PDB file of N, CA and C in Angstrom:
ATOM      1  N   UNK A   1      62.207-106.301 -54.372  1.00  0.00           N
ATOM      2  CA  UNK A   1      61.662-106.856 -53.153  1.00  0.00           C
ATOM      3  C   UNK A   1      60.916-108.153 -53.437  1.00  0.00           C
ATOM      4  N   UNK A   2      60.082-108.152 -54.485  1.00  0.00           N
ATOM      5  CA  UNK A   2      59.311-109.343 -54.829  1.00  0.00           C
ATOM      6  C   UNK A   2      60.240-110.448 -55.310  1.00  0.00           C
ATOM      7  N   UNK A   3      61.247-110.093 -56.075  1.00  0.00           N
ATOM      8  CA  UNK A   3      62.168-111.112 -56.574  1.00  0.00           C
ATOM      9  C   UNK A   3      62.973-111.717 -55.428  1.00  0.00           C
ATOM     10  N   UNK A   4      63.335-110.902 -54.430  1.00  0.00           N
ATOM     11  CA  UNK A   4      64.082-111.415 -53.284  1.00  0.00           C
ATOM     12  C   UNK A   4      63.200-112.380 -52.486  1.00  0.00           C
ATOM     13  N   UNK A   5      61.923-112.055 -52.278  1.00  0.00           N
ATOM     14  CA  UNK A   5      60.991-112.927 -51.567  1.00  0.00           C
ATOM     15  C   UNK A   5      60.769-114.216 -52.347  1.00  0.00           C
ATOM     16  N   UNK A   6      60.648-114.091 -53.660  1.00  0.00           N
ATOM     17  CA  UNK A   6      60.462-115.256 -54.509  1.00  0.00           C
ATOM     18  C   UNK A   6      61.682-116.177 -54.440  1.00  0.00           C
ATOM     19  N   UNK A   7      62.873-115.585 -54.459  1.00  0.00           N
ATOM     20  CA  UNK A   7      64.101-116.381 -54.361  1.00  0.00           C
ATOM     21  C   UNK A   7      64.172-117.097 -53.013  1.00  0.00           C
ATOM     22  N   UNK A   8      63.810-116.383 -51.943  1.00  0.00           N
ATOM     23  CA  UNK A   8      63.838-116.993 -50.608  1.00  0.00           C
ATOM     24  C   UNK A   8      62.841-118.153 -50.512  1.00  0.00           C
ATOM     25  N   UNK A   9      61.648-117.964 -51.061  1.00  0.00           N
ATOM     26  CA  UNK A   9      60.655-119.033 -51.053  1.00  0.00           C
ATOM     27  C   UNK A   9      61.138-120.232 -51.861  1.00  0.00           C
ATOM     28  N   UNK A  10      61.730-119.978 -52.998  1.00  0.00           N
ATOM     29  CA  UNK A  10      62.259-121.056 -53.825  1.00  0.00           C
ATOM     30  C   UNK A  10      63.391-121.789 -53.098  1.00  0.00           C
ATOM     31  N   UNK A  11      64.255-121.050 -52.430  1.00  0.00           N
ATOM     32  CA  UNK A  11      65.348-121.647 -51.671  1.00  0.00           C
ATOM     33  C   UNK A  11      64.809-122.509 -50.524  1.00  0.00           C
ATOM     34  N   UNK A  12      63.837-121.995 -49.775  1.00  0.00           N
ATOM     35  CA  UNK A  12      63.241-122.748 -48.665  1.00  0.00           C
ATOM     36  C   UNK A  12      62.551-123.998 -49.195  1.00  0.00           C
ATOM     37  N   UNK A  13      61.846-123.872 -50.317  1.00  0.00           N
ATOM     38  CA  UNK A  13      61.177-125.022 -50.922  1.00  0.00           C
ATOM     39  C   UNK A  13      62.159-126.099 -51.330  1.00  0.00           C
ATOM     40  N   UNK A  14      63.276-125.690 -51.939  1.00  0.00           N
ATOM     41  CA  UNK A  14      64.299-126.660 -52.348  1.00  0.00           C
ATOM     42  C   UNK A  14      64.923-127.349 -51.136  1.00  0.00           C
ATOM     43  N   UNK A  15      65.200-126.595 -50.088  1.00  0.00           N
ATOM     44  CA  UNK A  15      65.784-127.175 -48.873  1.00  0.00           C
ATOM     45  C   UNK A  15      64.812-128.163 -48.240  1.00  0.00           C
ATOM     46  N   UNK A  16      63.542-127.790 -48.128  1.00  0.00           N
ATOM     47  CA  UNK A  16      62.544-128.686 -47.549  1.00  0.00           C
ATOM     48  C   UNK A  16      62.379-129.954 -48.383  1.00  0.00           C
ATOM     49  N   UNK A  17      62.378-129.815 -49.703  1.00  0.00           N
ATOM     50  CA  UNK A  17      62.244-130.984 -50.570  1.00  0.00           C
ATOM     51  C   UNK A  17      63.440-131.913 -50.401  1.00  0.00           C
ATOM     52  N   UNK A  18      64.626-131.346 -50.307  1.00  0.00           N
ATOM     53  CA  UNK A  18      65.840-132.143 -50.147  1.00  0.00           C
ATOM     54  C   UNK A  18      65.837-132.870 -48.797  1.00  0.00           C
ATOM     55  N   UNK A  19      65.456-132.159 -47.749  1.00  0.00           N
ATOM     56  CA  UNK A  19      65.406-132.769 -46.422  1.00  0.00           C
ATOM     57  C   UNK A  19      64.365-133.888 -46.394  1.00  0.00           C
ATOM     58  N   UNK A  20      63.205-133.640 -46.982  1.00  0.00           N
ATOM     59  CA  UNK A  20      62.145-134.653 -47.003  1.00  0.00           C
ATOM     60  C   UNK A  20      62.596-135.870 -47.789  1.00  0.00           C
ATOM     61  N   UNK A  21      63.243-135.679 -48.913  1.00  0.00           N
ATOM     62  CA  UNK A  21      63.712-136.795 -49.728  1.00  0.00           C
ATOM     63  C   UNK A  21      64.811-137.573 -49.011  1.00  0.00           C
ATOM     64  N   UNK A  22      65.632-136.878 -48.233  1.00  0.00           N
ATOM     65  CA  UNK A  22      66.717-137.530 -47.510  1.00  0.00           C
ATOM     66  C   UNK A  22      66.206-138.383 -46.363  1.00  0.00           C
ATOM     67  N   UNK A  23      65.250-137.874 -45.611  1.00  0.00           N
ATOM     68  CA  UNK A  23      64.769-138.559 -44.413  1.00  0.00           C
ATOM     69  C   UNK A  23      63.478-139.365 -44.625  1.00  0.00           C
ATOM     70  N   UNK A  24      63.014-139.436 -45.842  1.00  0.00           N
ATOM     71  CA  UNK A  24      61.776-140.179 -46.060  1.00  0.00           C
ATOM     72  C   UNK A  24      62.000-141.671 -45.867  1.00  0.00           C
ATOM     73  N   UNK A  25      60.920-142.367 -45.602  1.00  0.00           N
ATOM     74  CA  UNK A  25      60.993-143.800 -45.321  1.00  0.00           C
ATOM     75  C   UNK A  25      61.255-144.564 -46.613  1.00  0.00           C
ATOM     76  N   UNK A  26      62.239-145.420 -46.558  1.00  0.00           N
ATOM     77  CA  UNK A  26      62.534-146.260 -47.712  1.00  0.00           C
ATOM     78  C   UNK A  26      61.607-147.465 -47.688  1.00  0.00           C
ATOM     79  N   UNK A  27      61.078-147.815 -48.822  1.00  0.00           N
ATOM     80  CA  UNK A  27      60.186-148.974 -48.887  1.00  0.00           C
ATOM     81  C   UNK A  27      60.945-150.160 -49.455  1.00  0.00           C
ATOM     82  N   UNK A  28      60.595-151.317 -48.958  1.00  0.00           N
ATOM     83  CA  UNK A  28      61.220-152.543 -49.417  1.00  0.00           C
ATOM     84  C   UNK A  28      60.114-153.431 -49.972  1.00  0.00           C
ATOM     85  N   UNK A  29      60.267-153.834 -51.192  1.00  0.00           N
ATOM     86  CA  UNK A  29      59.248-154.667 -51.804  1.00  0.00           C
ATOM     87  C   UNK A  29      59.440-156.114 -51.358  1.00  0.00           C
ATOM     88  N   UNK A  30      58.322-156.742 -50.999  1.00  0.00           N
ATOM     89  CA  UNK A  30      58.354-158.151 -50.622  1.00  0.00           C
ATOM     90  C   UNK A  30      57.992-158.989 -51.834  1.00  0.00           C
ATOM     91  N   UNK A  31      58.645-160.110 -51.934  1.00  0.00           N
ATOM     92  CA  UNK A  31      58.297-160.971 -53.058  1.00  0.00           C
ATOM     93  C   UNK A  31      57.024-161.754 -52.740  1.00  0.00           C
ATOM     94  N   UNK A  32      56.449-162.331 -53.760  1.00  0.00           N
ATOM     95  CA  UNK A  32      55.163-163.029 -53.651  1.00  0.00           C
ATOM     96  C   UNK A  32      55.230-164.206 -52.678  1.00  0.00           C
ATOM     97  N   UNK A  33      56.326-164.920 -52.666  1.00  0.00           N
ATOM     98  CA  UNK A  33      56.469-166.097 -51.794  1.00  0.00           C
ATOM     99  C   UNK A  33      56.444-165.698 -50.323  1.00  0.00           C
ATOM    100  N   UNK A  34      57.073-164.591 -49.983  1.00  0.00           N
ATOM    101  CA  UNK A  34      57.086-164.128 -48.595  1.00  0.00           C
ATOM    102  C   UNK A  34      55.684-163.737 -48.143  1.00  0.00           C
ATOM    103  N   UNK A  35      54.961-163.058 -48.998  1.00  0.00           N
ATOM    104  CA  UNK A  35      53.597-162.647 -48.658  1.00  0.00           C
ATOM    105  C   UNK A  35      52.709-163.869 -48.468  1.00  0.00           C
ATOM    106  N   UNK A  36      52.814-164.842 -49.359  1.00  0.00           N
ATOM    107  CA  UNK A  36      52.008-166.055 -49.235  1.00  0.00           C
ATOM    108  C   UNK A  36      52.353-166.827 -47.962  1.00  0.00           C
ATOM    109  N   UNK A  37      53.630-166.847 -47.601  1.00  0.00           N
ATOM    110  CA  UNK A  37      54.059-167.528 -46.371  1.00  0.00           C
ATOM    111  C   UNK A  37      53.475-166.833 -45.144  1.00  0.00           C
ATOM    112  N   UNK A  38      53.494-165.509 -45.132  1.00  0.00           N
ATOM    113  CA  UNK A  38      52.939-164.754 -44.009  1.00  0.00           C
ATOM    114  C   UNK A  38      51.428-164.959 -43.887  1.00  0.00           C
ATOM    115  N   UNK A  39      50.733-164.968 -44.991  1.00  0.00           N
ATOM    116  CA  UNK A  39      49.284-165.186 -44.973  1.00  0.00           C
ATOM    117  C   UNK A  39      48.967-166.591 -44.474  1.00  0.00           C
ATOM    118  N   UNK A  40      49.731-167.579 -44.925  1.00  0.00           N
ATOM    119  CA  UNK A  40      49.519-168.962 -44.476  1.00  0.00           C
ATOM    120  C   UNK A  40      49.770-169.086 -42.975  1.00  0.00           C
ATOM    121  N   UNK A  41      50.798-168.429 -42.466  1.00  0.00           N
ATOM    122  CA  UNK A  41      51.089-168.446 -41.031  1.00  0.00           C
ATOM    123  C   UNK A  41      49.961-167.805 -40.243  1.00  0.00           C
ATOM    124  N   UNK A  42      49.435-166.694 -40.732  1.00  0.00           N
ATOM    125  CA  UNK A  42      48.313-166.016 -40.063  1.00  0.00           C
ATOM    126  C   UNK A  42      47.080-166.916 -40.031  1.00  0.00           C
ATOM    127  N   UNK A  43      46.794-167.597 -41.126  1.00  0.00           N
ATOM    128  CA  UNK A  43      45.639-168.495 -41.184  1.00  0.00           C
ATOM    129  C   UNK A  43      45.813-169.651 -40.212  1.00  0.00           C
ATOM    130  N   UNK A  44      47.021-170.226 -40.152  1.00  0.00           N
ATOM    131  CA  UNK A  44      47.289-171.324 -39.221  1.00  0.00           C
ATOM    132  C   UNK A  44      47.128-170.876 -37.769  1.00  0.00           C
ATOM    133  N   UNK A  45      47.636-169.689 -37.459  1.00  0.00           N
ATOM    134  CA  UNK A  45      47.504-169.167 -36.092  1.00  0.00           C
ATOM    135  C   UNK A  45      46.040-168.900 -35.762  1.00  0.00           C
ATOM    136  N   UNK A  46      45.295-168.427 -36.733  1.00  0.00           N
ATOM    137  CA  UNK A  46      43.878-168.152 -36.532  1.00  0.00           C
ATOM    138  C   UNK A  46      43.108-169.440 -36.261  1.00  0.00           C
ATOM    139  N   UNK A  47      43.401-170.484 -37.021  1.00  0.00           N
ATOM    140  CA  UNK A  47      42.731-171.771 -36.828  1.00  0.00           C
ATOM    141  C   UNK A  47      43.108-172.402 -35.490  1.00  0.00           C
ATOM    142  N   UNK A  48      44.349-172.200 -35.066  1.00  0.00           N
ATOM    143  CA  UNK A  48      44.806-172.774 -33.801  1.00  0.00           C
ATOM    144  C   UNK A  48      44.299-171.983 -32.600  1.00  0.00           C
ATOM    145  N   UNK A  49      43.730-170.810 -32.831  1.00  0.00           N
ATOM    146  CA  UNK A  49      43.190-169.996 -31.745  1.00  0.00           C
ATOM    147  C   UNK A  49      44.255-169.313 -30.912  1.00  0.00           C
ATOM    148  N   UNK A  50      45.332-168.892 -31.550  1.00  0.00           N
ATOM    149  CA  UNK A  50      46.435-168.284 -30.824  1.00  0.00           C
ATOM    150  C   UNK A  50      46.273-166.787 -30.591  1.00  0.00           C
ATOM    151  N   UNK A  51      45.166-166.225 -31.031  1.00  0.00           N
ATOM    152  CA  UNK A  51      44.926-164.810 -30.807  1.00  0.00           C
ATOM    153  C   UNK A  51      44.050-164.631 -29.576  1.00  0.00           C
ATOM    154  N   UNK A  52      44.343-163.636 -28.767  1.00  0.00           N
ATOM    155  CA  UNK A  52      43.615-163.434 -27.518  1.00  0.00           C
ATOM    156  C   UNK A  52      42.423-162.500 -27.652  1.00  0.00           C
ATOM    157  N   UNK A  53      42.145-162.057 -28.836  1.00  0.00           N
ATOM    158  CA  UNK A  53      41.033-161.120 -29.021  1.00  0.00           C
ATOM    159  C   UNK A  53      39.761-161.821 -29.469  1.00  0.00           C
ATOM    160  N   UNK A  54      39.590-163.046 -29.079  1.00  0.00           N
ATOM    161  CA  UNK A  54      38.449-163.848 -29.507  1.00  0.00           C
ATOM    162  C   UNK A  54      37.402-163.970 -28.404  1.00  0.00           C
ATOM    163  N   UNK A  55      36.173-164.169 -28.830  1.00  0.00           N
ATOM    164  CA  UNK A  55      35.097-164.456 -27.889  1.00  0.00           C
ATOM    165  C   UNK A  55      35.219-165.905 -27.439  1.00  0.00           C
ATOM    166  N   UNK A  56      34.764-166.190 -26.249  1.00  0.00           N
ATOM    167  CA  UNK A  56      34.768-167.549 -25.727  1.00  0.00           C
ATOM    168  C   UNK A  56      33.522-167.764 -24.887  1.00  0.00           C
ATOM    169  N   UNK A  57      33.193-169.015 -24.643  1.00  0.00           N
ATOM    170  CA  UNK A  57      32.037-169.344 -23.814  1.00  0.00           C
ATOM    171  C   UNK A  57      32.548-169.849 -22.477  1.00  0.00           C
ATOM    172  N   UNK A  58      32.006-169.292 -21.428  1.00  0.00           N
ATOM    173  CA  UNK A  58      32.391-169.613 -20.060  1.00  0.00           C
ATOM    174  C   UNK A  58      31.317-170.533 -19.498  1.00  0.00           C
ATOM    175  N   UNK A  59      31.719-171.752 -19.029  1.00  0.00           N
ATOM    176  CA  UNK A  59      30.682-172.678 -18.561  1.00  0.00           C
ATOM    177  C   UNK A  59      30.784-173.032 -17.081  1.00  0.00           C
ATOM    178  N   UNK A  60      31.953-172.828 -16.449  1.00  0.00           N
ATOM    179  CA  UNK A  60      32.042-173.189 -15.032  1.00  0.00           C
ATOM    180  C   UNK A  60      33.160-172.431 -14.339  1.00  0.00           C
ATOM    181  N   UNK A  61      32.944-172.170 -13.044  1.00  0.00           N
ATOM    182  CA  UNK A  61      33.961-171.583 -12.171  1.00  0.00           C
ATOM    183  C   UNK A  61      33.804-172.219 -10.804  1.00  0.00           C
ATOM    184  N   UNK A  62      34.892-172.749 -10.263  1.00  0.00           N
ATOM    185  CA  UNK A  62      34.809-173.354  -8.939  1.00  0.00           C
ATOM    186  C   UNK A  62      36.031-174.184  -8.615  1.00  0.00           C
ATOM    187  N   UNK A  63      35.833-175.197  -7.763  1.00  0.00           N
ATOM    188  CA  UNK A  63      36.969-176.000  -7.310  1.00  0.00           C
ATOM    189  C   UNK A  63      37.488-176.915  -8.423  1.00  0.00           C
ATOM    190  N   UNK A  64      38.675-177.452  -8.196  1.00  0.00           N
ATOM    191  CA  UNK A  64      39.397-178.205  -9.217  1.00  0.00           C
ATOM    192  C   UNK A  64      38.648-179.467  -9.637  1.00  0.00           C
ATOM    193  N   UNK A  65      38.158-180.237  -8.683  1.00  0.00           N
ATOM    194  CA  UNK A  65      37.507-181.508  -9.009  1.00  0.00           C
ATOM    195  C   UNK A  65      36.260-181.300  -9.856  1.00  0.00           C
ATOM    196  N   UNK A  66      35.451-180.342  -9.456  1.00  0.00           N
ATOM    197  CA  UNK A  66      34.220-180.093 -10.205  1.00  0.00           C
ATOM    198  C   UNK A  66      34.526-179.495 -11.585  1.00  0.00           C
ATOM    199  N   UNK A  67      35.575-178.679 -11.657  1.00  0.00           N
ATOM    200  CA  UNK A  67      35.978-178.105 -12.946  1.00  0.00           C
ATOM    201  C   UNK A  67      36.437-179.212 -13.895  1.00  0.00           C
ATOM    202  N   UNK A  68      37.211-180.155 -13.384  1.00  0.00           N
ATOM    203  CA  UNK A  68      37.657-181.281 -14.219  1.00  0.00           C
ATOM    204  C   UNK A  68      36.482-182.125 -14.683  1.00  0.00           C
ATOM    205  N   UNK A  69      35.534-182.365 -13.780  1.00  0.00           N
ATOM    206  CA  UNK A  69      34.372-183.167 -14.178  1.00  0.00           C
ATOM    207  C   UNK A  69      33.498-182.417 -15.185  1.00  0.00           C
ATOM    208  N   UNK A  70      33.390-181.102 -15.046  1.00  0.00           N
ATOM    209  CA  UNK A  70      32.631-180.299 -16.008  1.00  0.00           C
ATOM    210  C   UNK A  70      33.303-180.331 -17.377  1.00  0.00           C
ATOM    211  N   UNK A  71      34.617-180.205 -17.376  1.00  0.00           N
ATOM    212  CA  UNK A  71      35.363-180.245 -18.639  1.00  0.00           C
ATOM    213  C   UNK A  71      35.202-181.601 -19.316  1.00  0.00           C
ATOM    214  N   UNK A  72      35.347-182.690 -18.568  1.00  0.00           N
ATOM    215  CA  UNK A  72      35.210-184.023 -19.168  1.00  0.00           C
ATOM    216  C   UNK A  72      33.764-184.271 -19.611  1.00  0.00           C
ATOM    217  N   UNK A  73      32.799-183.737 -18.857  1.00  0.00           N
ATOM    218  CA  UNK A  73      31.395-183.856 -19.261  1.00  0.00           C
ATOM    219  C   UNK A  73      31.147-183.148 -20.591  1.00  0.00           C
ATOM    220  N   UNK A  74      31.731-181.955 -20.731  1.00  0.00           N
ATOM    221  CA  UNK A  74      31.607-181.230 -22.001  1.00  0.00           C
ATOM    222  C   UNK A  74      32.300-182.000 -23.125  1.00  0.00           C
ATOM    223  N   UNK A  75      33.518-182.484 -22.868  1.00  0.00           N
ATOM    224  CA  UNK A  75      34.269-183.205 -23.901  1.00  0.00           C
ATOM    225  C   UNK A  75      33.521-184.454 -24.376  1.00  0.00           C
ATOM    226  N   UNK A  76      32.790-185.099 -23.486  1.00  0.00           N
ATOM    227  CA  UNK A  76      32.038-186.299 -23.851  1.00  0.00           C
ATOM    228  C   UNK A  76      30.808-185.993 -24.714  1.00  0.00           C
ATOM    229  N   UNK A  77      30.398-184.726 -24.772  1.00  0.00           N
ATOM    230  CA  UNK A  77      29.243-184.357 -25.593  1.00  0.00           C
ATOM    231  C   UNK A  77      29.543-184.473 -27.089  1.00  0.00           C
ATOM    232  N   UNK A  78      30.816-184.343 -27.438  1.00  0.00           N
ATOM    233  CA  UNK A  78      31.204-184.456 -28.841  1.00  0.00           C
ATOM    234  C   UNK A  78      30.961-183.204 -29.657  1.00  0.00           C
ATOM    235  N   UNK A  79      30.841-182.070 -29.007  1.00  0.00           N
ATOM    236  CA  UNK A  79      30.667-180.806 -29.731  1.00  0.00           C
ATOM    237  C   UNK A  79      31.995-180.410 -30.380  1.00  0.00           C
ATOM    238  N   UNK A  80      31.954-179.672 -31.479  1.00  0.00           N
ATOM    239  CA  UNK A  80      33.179-179.398 -32.238  1.00  0.00           C
ATOM    240  C   UNK A  80      34.146-178.386 -31.607  1.00  0.00           C
ATOM    241  N   UNK A  81      33.766-177.703 -30.550  1.00  0.00           N
ATOM    242  CA  UNK A  81      34.623-176.668 -29.979  1.00  0.00           C
ATOM    243  C   UNK A  81      35.446-177.234 -28.834  1.00  0.00           C
ATOM    244  N   UNK A  82      36.718-176.863 -28.787  1.00  0.00           N
ATOM    245  CA  UNK A  82      37.614-177.371 -27.748  1.00  0.00           C
ATOM    246  C   UNK A  82      37.344-176.674 -26.419  1.00  0.00           C
ATOM    247  N   UNK A  83      37.447-177.450 -25.346  1.00  0.00           N
ATOM    248  CA  UNK A  83      37.294-176.870 -24.013  1.00  0.00           C
ATOM    249  C   UNK A  83      38.671-176.616 -23.431  1.00  0.00           C
ATOM    250  N   UNK A  84      38.719-175.681 -22.502  1.00  0.00           N
ATOM    251  CA  UNK A  84      39.986-175.279 -21.918  1.00  0.00           C
ATOM    252  C   UNK A  84      39.789-175.037 -20.428  1.00  0.00           C
ATOM    253  N   UNK A  85      40.691-175.567 -19.637  1.00  0.00           N
ATOM    254  CA  UNK A  85      40.640-175.414 -18.193  1.00  0.00           C
ATOM    255  C   UNK A  85      41.727-174.418 -17.795  1.00  0.00           C
ATOM    256  N   UNK A  86      41.353-173.348 -17.094  1.00  0.00           N
ATOM    257  CA  UNK A  86      42.320-172.321 -16.683  1.00  0.00           C
ATOM    258  C   UNK A  86      42.186-172.054 -15.200  1.00  0.00           C
ATOM    259  N   UNK A  87      43.315-171.768 -14.583  1.00  0.00           N
ATOM    260  CA  UNK A  87      43.300-171.372 -13.181  1.00  0.00           C
ATOM    261  C   UNK A  87      43.373-169.855 -13.123  1.00  0.00           C
ATOM    262  N   UNK A  88      42.344-169.255 -12.588  1.00  0.00           N
ATOM    263  CA  UNK A  88      42.324-167.812 -12.337  1.00  0.00           C
ATOM    264  C   UNK A  88      41.978-167.654 -10.869  1.00  0.00           C
ATOM    265  N   UNK A  89      42.945-167.225 -10.121  1.00  0.00           N
ATOM    266  CA  UNK A  89      42.852-167.210  -8.661  1.00  0.00           C
ATOM    267  C   UNK A  89      41.534-166.647  -8.172  1.00  0.00           C
ATOM    268  N   UNK A  90      40.826-167.264  -7.312  1.00  0.00           N
ATOM    269  CA  UNK A  90      41.116-168.491  -6.564  1.00  0.00           C
ATOM    270  C   UNK A  90      40.409-169.719  -7.135  1.00  0.00           C
ATOM    271  N   UNK A  91      39.894-169.666  -8.355  1.00  0.00           N
ATOM    272  CA  UNK A  91      39.075-170.751  -8.891  1.00  0.00           C
ATOM    273  C   UNK A  91      39.612-171.280 -10.207  1.00  0.00           C
ATOM    274  N   UNK A  92      39.169-172.482 -10.543  1.00  0.00           N
ATOM    275  CA  UNK A  92      39.392-173.044 -11.869  1.00  0.00           C
ATOM    276  C   UNK A  92      38.202-172.637 -12.728  1.00  0.00           C
ATOM    277  N   UNK A  93      38.469-172.351 -13.997  1.00  0.00           N
ATOM    278  CA  UNK A  93      37.404-171.948 -14.912  1.00  0.00           C
ATOM    279  C   UNK A  93      37.466-172.807 -16.161  1.00  0.00           C
ATOM    280  N   UNK A  94      36.298-173.101 -16.705  1.00  0.00           N
ATOM    281  CA  UNK A  94      36.206-173.898 -17.928  1.00  0.00           C
ATOM    282  C   UNK A  94      35.654-173.006 -19.036  1.00  0.00           C
ATOM    283  N   UNK A  95      36.423-172.897 -20.120  1.00  0.00           N
ATOM    284  CA  UNK A  95      36.033-172.112 -21.282  1.00  0.00           C
ATOM    285  C   UNK A  95      35.868-173.035 -22.479  1.00  0.00           C
ATOM    286  N   UNK A  96      35.028-172.631 -23.406  1.00  0.00           N
ATOM    287  CA  UNK A  96      34.780-173.430 -24.598  1.00  0.00           C
ATOM    288  C   UNK A  96      34.957-172.564 -25.835  1.00  0.00           C
ATOM    289  N   UNK A  97      35.788-173.012 -26.751  1.00  0.00           N
ATOM    290  CA  UNK A  97      35.936-172.401 -28.063  1.00  0.00           C
ATOM    291  C   UNK A  97      36.565-171.033 -28.084  1.00  0.00           C
ATOM    292  N   UNK A  98      36.949-170.624 -29.293  1.00  0.00           N
ATOM    293  CA  UNK A  98      37.438-169.279 -29.578  1.00  0.00           C
ATOM    294  C   UNK A  98      36.760-168.844 -30.867  1.00  0.00           C
ATOM    295  N   UNK A  99      35.988-167.770 -30.778  1.00  0.00           N
ATOM    296  CA  UNK A  99      35.151-167.345 -31.894  1.00  0.00           C
ATOM    297  C   UNK A  99      35.535-165.943 -32.338  1.00  0.00           C
ATOM    298  N   UNK A 100      35.556-165.731 -33.649  1.00  0.00           N
ATOM    299  CA  UNK A 100      35.944-164.433 -34.187  1.00  0.00           C
ATOM    300  C   UNK A 100      34.893-163.361 -33.965  1.00  0.00           C
ATOM    301  N   UNK A 101      33.624-163.742 -33.994  1.00  0.00           N
ATOM    302  CA  UNK A 101      32.568-162.733 -33.854  1.00  0.00           C
ATOM    303  C   UNK A 101      31.605-163.125 -32.741  1.00  0.00           C
ATOM    304  N   UNK A 102      30.900-162.149 -32.249  1.00  0.00           N
ATOM    305  CA  UNK A 102      29.900-162.386 -31.209  1.00  0.00           C
ATOM    306  C   UNK A 102      28.785-163.285 -31.741  1.00  0.00           C
ATOM    307  N   UNK A 103      28.423-163.096 -33.003  1.00  0.00           N
ATOM    308  CA  UNK A 103      27.373-163.902 -33.612  1.00  0.00           C
ATOM    309  C   UNK A 103      27.754-165.385 -33.637  1.00  0.00           C
ATOM    310  N   UNK A 104      28.972-165.665 -34.014  1.00  0.00           N
ATOM    311  CA  UNK A 104      29.467-167.045 -34.031  1.00  0.00           C
ATOM    312  C   UNK A 104      29.436-167.649 -32.627  1.00  0.00           C
ATOM    313  N   UNK A 105      29.830-166.862 -31.633  1.00  0.00           N
ATOM    314  CA  UNK A 105      29.825-167.332 -30.241  1.00  0.00           C
ATOM    315  C   UNK A 105      28.395-167.567 -29.746  1.00  0.00           C
ATOM    316  N   UNK A 106      27.481-166.699 -30.115  1.00  0.00           N
ATOM    317  CA  UNK A 106      26.086-166.856 -29.692  1.00  0.00           C
ATOM    318  C   UNK A 106      25.455-168.110 -30.298  1.00  0.00           C
ATOM    319  N   UNK A 107      25.807-168.417 -31.534  1.00  0.00           N
ATOM    320  CA  UNK A 107      25.296-169.639 -32.164  1.00  0.00           C
ATOM    321  C   UNK A 107      25.795-170.875 -31.427  1.00  0.00           C
ATOM    322  N   UNK A 108      27.065-170.877 -31.055  1.00  0.00           N
ATOM    323  CA  UNK A 108      27.618-172.006 -30.305  1.00  0.00           C
ATOM    324  C   UNK A 108      26.997-172.068 -28.914  1.00  0.00           C
ATOM    325  N   UNK A 109      26.719-170.914 -28.333  1.00  0.00           N
ATOM    326  CA  UNK A 109      26.126-170.859 -26.995  1.00  0.00           C
ATOM    327  C   UNK A 109      24.769-171.553 -26.961  1.00  0.00           C
ATOM    328  N   UNK A 110      24.015-171.443 -28.033  1.00  0.00           N
ATOM    329  CA  UNK A 110      22.718-172.116 -28.086  1.00  0.00           C
ATOM    330  C   UNK A 110      22.873-173.629 -27.907  1.00  0.00           C
ATOM    331  N   UNK A 111      23.907-174.198 -28.503  1.00  0.00           N
ATOM    332  CA  UNK A 111      24.157-175.636 -28.362  1.00  0.00           C
ATOM    333  C   UNK A 111      24.669-175.979 -26.968  1.00  0.00           C
ATOM    334  N   UNK A 112      25.569-175.165 -26.451  1.00  0.00           N
ATOM    335  CA  UNK A 112      26.181-175.438 -25.146  1.00  0.00           C
ATOM    336  C   UNK A 112      25.155-175.293 -24.029  1.00  0.00           C
ATOM    337  N   UNK A 113      24.255-174.336 -24.160  1.00  0.00           N
ATOM    338  CA  UNK A 113      23.256-174.098 -23.112  1.00  0.00           C
ATOM    339  C   UNK A 113      22.262-175.232 -22.946  1.00  0.00           C
ATOM    340  N   UNK A 114      22.177-176.128 -23.916  1.00  0.00           N
ATOM    341  CA  UNK A 114      21.292-177.275 -23.774  1.00  0.00           C
ATOM    342  C   UNK A 114      21.732-178.159 -22.614  1.00  0.00           C
ATOM    343  N   UNK A 115      23.045-178.194 -22.353  1.00  0.00           N
ATOM    344  CA  UNK A 115      23.591-179.009 -21.266  1.00  0.00           C
ATOM    345  C   UNK A 115      24.040-178.140 -20.091  1.00  0.00           C
ATOM    346  N   UNK A 116      24.570-176.959 -20.385  1.00  0.00           N
ATOM    347  CA  UNK A 116      25.064-176.036 -19.358  1.00  0.00           C
ATOM    348  C   UNK A 116      24.252-174.742 -19.427  1.00  0.00           C
ATOM    349  N   UNK A 117      23.141-174.678 -18.732  1.00  0.00           N
ATOM    350  CA  UNK A 117      22.229-173.524 -18.866  1.00  0.00           C
ATOM    351  C   UNK A 117      22.799-172.199 -18.356  1.00  0.00           C
ATOM    352  N   UNK A 118      23.827-172.237 -17.523  1.00  0.00           N
ATOM    353  CA  UNK A 118      24.409-171.004 -16.996  1.00  0.00           C
ATOM    354  C   UNK A 118      25.563-170.483 -17.836  1.00  0.00           C
ATOM    355  N   UNK A 119      25.849-171.094 -18.962  1.00  0.00           N
ATOM    356  CA  UNK A 119      26.946-170.672 -19.814  1.00  0.00           C
ATOM    357  C   UNK A 119      26.680-169.277 -20.372  1.00  0.00           C
ATOM    358  N   UNK A 120      27.772-168.552 -20.616  1.00  0.00           N
ATOM    359  CA  UNK A 120      27.637-167.211 -21.191  1.00  0.00           C
ATOM    360  C   UNK A 120      28.860-166.868 -22.037  1.00  0.00           C
ATOM    361  N   UNK A 121      28.676-165.915 -22.925  1.00  0.00           N
ATOM    362  CA  UNK A 121      29.741-165.498 -23.840  1.00  0.00           C
ATOM    363  C   UNK A 121      30.575-164.416 -23.165  1.00  0.00           C
ATOM    364  N   UNK A 122      31.897-164.532 -23.307  1.00  0.00           N
ATOM    365  CA  UNK A 122      32.831-163.530 -22.771  1.00  0.00           C
ATOM    366  C   UNK A 122      33.730-163.028 -23.870  1.00  0.00           C
ATOM    367  N   UNK A 123      34.145-161.790 -23.746  1.00  0.00           N
ATOM    368  CA  UNK A 123      35.161-161.215 -24.626  1.00  0.00           C
ATOM    369  C   UNK A 123      36.368-160.928 -23.753  1.00  0.00           C
ATOM    370  N   UNK A 124      37.396-161.767 -23.830  1.00  0.00           N
ATOM    371  CA  UNK A 124      38.569-161.554 -22.941  1.00  0.00           C
ATOM    372  C   UNK A 124      39.357-160.311 -23.279  1.00  0.00           C
TER     373      UNK A 124
END
């Protein structure tokens, strides 16, 4: 009886091992050049601000003319962060910069608030 149970367990174990080995995920090794290319692309996208999970500073919401004048007023300040004009129905909105962390955005907000006291940090 014990030998029959032992044989059955061994048989089930072998079948499970074979099935697992057959259906397991095959891994493909990437060469060093491909990895470096992917990392460089990620860094470029990060610098260009192409990720939507970044903090931003919101400085104005309203009609088109005033939004354009607010954007040009900000651009004339010469601050290092790019401004962006977006239409979100029914108003135009002016955003400044894309920041990876809340702390980075808060530091920039201190500079922006000197001219735009109602500015605030948003996480889109």
